[in-house]
């Protein structure tokens, strides 16, 4: 064979393998993608974490513990990249599969949304958790913090929404 042809073909093949592994996690196991997603969350590489969790969730059986772990990880990553999507997906899954979600899951998402300055979504998820656990001191503790941030930003729509709930002394739903 002609080395001028073989070498570029080998280089192209190796580059394709590396690209598949880096971009899509194609050579990783589902467990590897899940683990890498958590590492990327810690590194604050949220878009890449979301991709890893997406890949993992597609490979796990729907409804399995690993699938839920990937879905929750995706929500945590989305909190920093697309807060409204995070809110919609997390609350939708929590409504559809209430037994798979615990108070701590809500706390993690509220904390992520709060740190991402997505106060409207943080309140919506906190409110969803408070509806399930009305005595949750941890979730209730977020409400005045969220309200203070909303007030400082002049977000009267959010402060009015918070004030309308019983846990803030309002009339409530």
C-alpha atoms as a PDB file:
ATOM      1  CA  UNK A   1       0.000   0.000   0.000  1.00  0.00           C
ATOM      2  CA  UNK A   2       1.027   3.517  -0.624  1.00  0.00           C
ATOM      3  CA  UNK A   3       2.089   5.212   2.672  1.00  0.00           C
ATOM      4  CA  UNK A   4       0.875   8.559   1.340  1.00  0.00           C
ATOM      5  CA  UNK A   5      -2.648   7.142   1.382  1.00  0.00           C
ATOM      6  CA  UNK A   6      -2.488   4.857   4.438  1.00  0.00           C
ATOM      7  CA  UNK A   7      -1.153   7.448   6.926  1.00  0.00           C
ATOM      8  CA  UNK A   8      -3.859  10.064   6.264  1.00  0.00           C
ATOM      9  CA  UNK A   9      -6.528   7.359   6.433  1.00  0.00           C
ATOM     10  CA  UNK A  10      -5.213   6.171   9.813  1.00  0.00           C
ATOM     11  CA  UNK A  11      -5.039   9.723  11.129  1.00  0.00           C
ATOM     12  CA  UNK A  12      -8.598  10.394   9.978  1.00  0.00           C
ATOM     13  CA  UNK A  13      -9.847   7.167  11.570  1.00  0.00           C
ATOM     14  CA  UNK A  14      -8.172   7.961  14.894  1.00  0.00           C
ATOM     15  CA  UNK A  15      -9.508  11.527  14.850  1.00  0.00           C
ATOM     16  CA  UNK A  16     -13.028  10.224  14.223  1.00  0.00           C
ATOM     17  CA  UNK A  17     -12.814   7.887  17.205  1.00  0.00           C
ATOM     18  CA  UNK A  18     -11.584  10.686  19.460  1.00  0.00           C
ATOM     19  CA  UNK A  19     -14.301  13.039  18.191  1.00  0.00           C
ATOM     20  CA  UNK A  20     -17.048  10.493  18.832  1.00  0.00           C
ATOM     21  CA  UNK A  21     -15.749   9.888  22.344  1.00  0.00           C
ATOM     22  CA  UNK A  22     -15.379  13.567  23.206  1.00  0.00           C
ATOM     23  CA  UNK A  23     -18.548  14.889  21.602  1.00  0.00           C
ATOM     24  CA  UNK A  24     -21.066  12.160  22.125  1.00  0.00           C
ATOM     25  CA  UNK A  25     -19.512   9.897  24.679  1.00  0.00           C
ATOM     26  CA  UNK A  26     -20.134   7.162  22.115  1.00  0.00           C
ATOM     27  CA  UNK A  27     -17.349   4.942  23.366  1.00  0.00           C
ATOM     28  CA  UNK A  28     -18.293   5.379  27.005  1.00  0.00           C
ATOM     29  CA  UNK A  29     -20.613   3.077  28.836  1.00  0.00           C
ATOM     30  CA  UNK A  30     -23.841   4.529  30.155  1.00  0.00           C
ATOM     31  CA  UNK A  31     -22.348   4.330  33.646  1.00  0.00           C
ATOM     32  CA  UNK A  32     -19.264   6.159  32.383  1.00  0.00           C
ATOM     33  CA  UNK A  33     -21.419   8.899  30.900  1.00  0.00           C
ATOM     34  CA  UNK A  34     -23.303   9.223  34.176  1.00  0.00           C
ATOM     35  CA  UNK A  35     -20.061   9.492  36.147  1.00  0.00           C
ATOM     36  CA  UNK A  36     -18.575  11.959  33.662  1.00  0.00           C
ATOM     37  CA  UNK A  37     -21.757  14.045  33.848  1.00  0.00           C
ATOM     38  CA  UNK A  38     -21.326  14.379  37.607  1.00  0.00           C
ATOM     39  CA  UNK A  39     -17.653  15.303  37.162  1.00  0.00           C
ATOM     40  CA  UNK A  40     -18.603  17.963  34.625  1.00  0.00           C
ATOM     41  CA  UNK A  41     -21.196  19.373  37.048  1.00  0.00           C
ATOM     42  CA  UNK A  42     -18.443  19.742  39.638  1.00  0.00           C
ATOM     43  CA  UNK A  43     -16.246  21.447  37.034  1.00  0.00           C
ATOM     44  CA  UNK A  44     -19.158  23.764  36.184  1.00  0.00           C
ATOM     45  CA  UNK A  45     -19.095  22.594  32.573  1.00  0.00           C
ATOM     46  CA  UNK A  46     -22.866  22.587  32.457  1.00  0.00           C
ATOM     47  CA  UNK A  47     -23.517  22.238  28.715  1.00  0.00           C
ATOM     48  CA  UNK A  48     -21.149  19.274  28.489  1.00  0.00           C
ATOM     49  CA  UNK A  49     -22.672  17.737  31.636  1.00  0.00           C
ATOM     50  CA  UNK A  50     -26.096  18.006  30.049  1.00  0.00           C
ATOM     51  CA  UNK A  51     -24.832  16.128  26.984  1.00  0.00           C
ATOM     52  CA  UNK A  52     -23.390  13.346  29.137  1.00  0.00           C
ATOM     53  CA  UNK A  53     -26.602  12.987  31.130  1.00  0.00           C
ATOM     54  CA  UNK A  54     -28.610  12.974  27.879  1.00  0.00           C
ATOM     55  CA  UNK A  55     -26.464  10.180  26.505  1.00  0.00           C
ATOM     56  CA  UNK A  56     -26.696   8.169  29.709  1.00  0.00           C
ATOM     57  CA  UNK A  57     -30.467   8.540  30.029  1.00  0.00           C
ATOM     58  CA  UNK A  58     -30.971   7.300  26.477  1.00  0.00           C
ATOM     59  CA  UNK A  59     -29.048   4.144  27.284  1.00  0.00           C
ATOM     60  CA  UNK A  60     -30.602   3.275  30.641  1.00  0.00           C
ATOM     61  CA  UNK A  61     -33.983   1.613  30.965  1.00  0.00           C
ATOM     62  CA  UNK A  62     -36.703   4.235  31.452  1.00  0.00           C
ATOM     63  CA  UNK A  63     -37.705   4.413  35.079  1.00  0.00           C
ATOM     64  CA  UNK A  64     -34.583   2.696  36.414  1.00  0.00           C
ATOM     65  CA  UNK A  65     -32.632   4.267  39.275  1.00  0.00           C
ATOM     66  CA  UNK A  66     -29.825   5.149  36.854  1.00  0.00           C
ATOM     67  CA  UNK A  67     -32.272   6.740  34.426  1.00  0.00           C
ATOM     68  CA  UNK A  68     -33.640   8.943  37.223  1.00  0.00           C
ATOM     69  CA  UNK A  69     -30.099   9.817  38.307  1.00  0.00           C
ATOM     70  CA  UNK A  70     -29.322  10.925  34.746  1.00  0.00           C
ATOM     71  CA  UNK A  71     -32.583  12.910  34.520  1.00  0.00           C
ATOM     72  CA  UNK A  72     -31.878  14.665  37.810  1.00  0.00           C
ATOM     73  CA  UNK A  73     -28.307  15.371  36.717  1.00  0.00           C
ATOM     74  CA  UNK A  74     -29.621  16.852  33.480  1.00  0.00           C
ATOM     75  CA  UNK A  75     -31.929  19.093  35.518  1.00  0.00           C
ATOM     76  CA  UNK A  76     -28.999  20.283  37.608  1.00  0.00           C
ATOM     77  CA  UNK A  77     -27.020  21.121  34.461  1.00  0.00           C
ATOM     78  CA  UNK A  78     -30.012  22.809  32.826  1.00  0.00           C
ATOM     79  CA  UNK A  79     -30.428  25.030  35.891  1.00  0.00           C
ATOM     80  CA  UNK A  80     -27.315  26.850  34.686  1.00  0.00           C
ATOM     81  CA  UNK A  81     -27.955  26.776  30.943  1.00  0.00           C
ATOM     82  CA  UNK A  82     -31.737  26.888  30.469  1.00  0.00           C
ATOM     83  CA  UNK A  83     -33.610  27.573  33.718  1.00  0.00           C
ATOM     84  CA  UNK A  84     -37.143  27.485  32.252  1.00  0.00           C
ATOM     85  CA  UNK A  85     -36.394  24.103  30.639  1.00  0.00           C
ATOM     86  CA  UNK A  86     -34.935  22.851  33.933  1.00  0.00           C
ATOM     87  CA  UNK A  87     -38.055  23.950  35.783  1.00  0.00           C
ATOM     88  CA  UNK A  88     -40.396  22.347  33.253  1.00  0.00           C
ATOM     89  CA  UNK A  89     -38.526  19.038  33.033  1.00  0.00           C
ATOM     90  CA  UNK A  90     -37.870  18.663  36.752  1.00  0.00           C
ATOM     91  CA  UNK A  91     -41.399  19.510  37.852  1.00  0.00           C
ATOM     92  CA  UNK A  92     -42.867  17.397  35.042  1.00  0.00           C
ATOM     93  CA  UNK A  93     -40.849  14.341  36.036  1.00  0.00           C
ATOM     94  CA  UNK A  94     -41.525  14.912  39.727  1.00  0.00           C
ATOM     95  CA  UNK A  95     -45.255  15.060  39.007  1.00  0.00           C
ATOM     96  CA  UNK A  96     -45.186  11.980  36.784  1.00  0.00           C
ATOM     97  CA  UNK A  97     -42.953   9.944  39.141  1.00  0.00           C
ATOM     98  CA  UNK A  98     -43.473  11.398  42.636  1.00  0.00           C
ATOM     99  CA  UNK A  99     -42.027   8.377  44.417  1.00  0.00           C
ATOM    100  CA  UNK A 100     -38.697   8.830  42.628  1.00  0.00           C
ATOM    101  CA  UNK A 101     -38.170  12.358  43.968  1.00  0.00           C
ATOM    102  CA  UNK A 102     -37.303  13.299  47.533  1.00  0.00           C
ATOM    103  CA  UNK A 103     -37.054  16.642  49.279  1.00  0.00           C
ATOM    104  CA  UNK A 104     -33.275  16.707  48.752  1.00  0.00           C
ATOM    105  CA  UNK A 105     -33.781  16.528  44.971  1.00  0.00           C
ATOM    106  CA  UNK A 106     -35.854  19.700  45.137  1.00  0.00           C
ATOM    107  CA  UNK A 107     -33.253  21.352  47.367  1.00  0.00           C
ATOM    108  CA  UNK A 108     -30.460  20.627  44.890  1.00  0.00           C
ATOM    109  CA  UNK A 109     -32.402  22.059  41.961  1.00  0.00           C
ATOM    110  CA  UNK A 110     -33.550  25.130  43.921  1.00  0.00           C
ATOM    111  CA  UNK A 111     -29.958  25.712  45.036  1.00  0.00           C
ATOM    112  CA  UNK A 112     -28.660  25.369  41.478  1.00  0.00           C
ATOM    113  CA  UNK A 113     -31.316  27.728  40.114  1.00  0.00           C
ATOM    114  CA  UNK A 114     -30.661  30.220  42.904  1.00  0.00           C
ATOM    115  CA  UNK A 115     -26.919  30.204  42.257  1.00  0.00           C
ATOM    116  CA  UNK A 116     -27.647  30.674  38.547  1.00  0.00           C
ATOM    117  CA  UNK A 117     -29.761  33.735  39.498  1.00  0.00           C
ATOM    118  CA  UNK A 118     -32.863  32.131  37.991  1.00  0.00           C
ATOM    119  CA  UNK A 119     -35.090  33.264  40.842  1.00  0.00           C
ATOM    120  CA  UNK A 120     -38.465  32.761  39.160  1.00  0.00           C
ATOM    121  CA  UNK A 121     -37.627  29.143  38.357  1.00  0.00           C
ATOM    122  CA  UNK A 122     -36.057  28.651  41.807  1.00  0.00           C
ATOM    123  CA  UNK A 123     -39.324  29.803  43.377  1.00  0.00           C
ATOM    124  CA  UNK A 124     -41.415  27.548  41.137  1.00  0.00           C
ATOM    125  CA  UNK A 125     -39.385  24.467  42.089  1.00  0.00           C
ATOM    126  CA  UNK A 126     -39.292  25.455  45.780  1.00  0.00           C
ATOM    127  CA  UNK A 127     -43.057  25.939  45.668  1.00  0.00           C
ATOM    128  CA  UNK A 128     -43.468  22.507  44.068  1.00  0.00           C
ATOM    129  CA  UNK A 129     -41.457  20.995  46.887  1.00  0.00           C
ATOM    130  CA  UNK A 130     -43.343  22.916  49.565  1.00  0.00           C
ATOM    131  CA  UNK A 131     -46.613  21.612  48.142  1.00  0.00           C
ATOM    132  CA  UNK A 132     -45.313  18.087  48.797  1.00  0.00           C
ATOM    133  CA  UNK A 133     -43.547  18.856  52.084  1.00  0.00           C
ATOM    134  CA  UNK A 134     -45.308  21.874  53.632  1.00  0.00           C
ATOM    135  CA  UNK A 135     -43.236  21.645  56.816  1.00  0.00           C
ATOM    136  CA  UNK A 136     -39.871  21.554  55.008  1.00  0.00           C
ATOM    137  CA  UNK A 137     -37.742  24.087  56.845  1.00  0.00           C
ATOM    138  CA  UNK A 138     -35.029  23.796  54.197  1.00  0.00           C
ATOM    139  CA  UNK A 139     -37.343  24.623  51.287  1.00  0.00           C
ATOM    140  CA  UNK A 140     -39.211  27.289  53.246  1.00  0.00           C
ATOM    141  CA  UNK A 141     -35.875  28.922  54.109  1.00  0.00           C
ATOM    142  CA  UNK A 142     -35.298  29.631  50.420  1.00  0.00           C
ATOM    143  CA  UNK A 143     -38.482  31.681  50.035  1.00  0.00           C
ATOM    144  CA  UNK A 144     -37.314  34.867  51.840  1.00  0.00           C
ATOM    145  CA  UNK A 145     -33.944  34.617  50.063  1.00  0.00           C
ATOM    146  CA  UNK A 146     -35.618  34.363  46.670  1.00  0.00           C
ATOM    147  CA  UNK A 147     -38.015  37.171  47.557  1.00  0.00           C
ATOM    148  CA  UNK A 148     -35.138  39.439  48.665  1.00  0.00           C
ATOM    149  CA  UNK A 149     -33.310  38.867  45.366  1.00  0.00           C
ATOM    150  CA  UNK A 150     -36.502  39.505  43.385  1.00  0.00           C
ATOM    151  CA  UNK A 151     -37.141  42.686  45.335  1.00  0.00           C
ATOM    152  CA  UNK A 152     -33.567  43.899  44.824  1.00  0.00           C
ATOM    153  CA  UNK A 153     -33.993  43.328  41.088  1.00  0.00           C
ATOM    154  CA  UNK A 154     -37.349  45.098  41.019  1.00  0.00           C
ATOM    155  CA  UNK A 155     -39.138  41.916  39.951  1.00  0.00           C
ATOM    156  CA  UNK A 156     -42.548  42.819  41.350  1.00  0.00           C
ATOM    157  CA  UNK A 157     -44.234  39.976  39.471  1.00  0.00           C
ATOM    158  CA  UNK A 158     -42.172  37.445  41.417  1.00  0.00           C
ATOM    159  CA  UNK A 159     -42.501  39.256  44.761  1.00  0.00           C
ATOM    160  CA  UNK A 160     -46.271  39.453  44.247  1.00  0.00           C
ATOM    161  CA  UNK A 161     -46.391  35.757  43.387  1.00  0.00           C
ATOM    162  CA  UNK A 162     -44.421  34.849  46.495  1.00  0.00           C
ATOM    163  CA  UNK A 163     -46.511  37.156  48.684  1.00  0.00           C
ATOM    164  CA  UNK A 164     -49.714  35.474  47.470  1.00  0.00           C
ATOM    165  CA  UNK A 165     -48.752  32.097  48.979  1.00  0.00           C
ATOM    166  CA  UNK A 166     -49.741  31.009  52.486  1.00  0.00           C
ATOM    167  CA  UNK A 167     -46.121  30.347  53.456  1.00  0.00           C
ATOM    168  CA  UNK A 168     -45.434  34.052  52.886  1.00  0.00           C
ATOM    169  CA  UNK A 169     -48.547  35.182  54.741  1.00  0.00           C
ATOM    170  CA  UNK A 170     -50.681  35.585  51.615  1.00  0.00           C
ATOM    171  CA  UNK A 171     -54.018  34.075  50.664  1.00  0.00           C
ATOM    172  CA  UNK A 172     -52.474  31.196  48.790  1.00  0.00           C
ATOM    173  CA  UNK A 173     -53.696  28.574  46.423  1.00  0.00           C
END
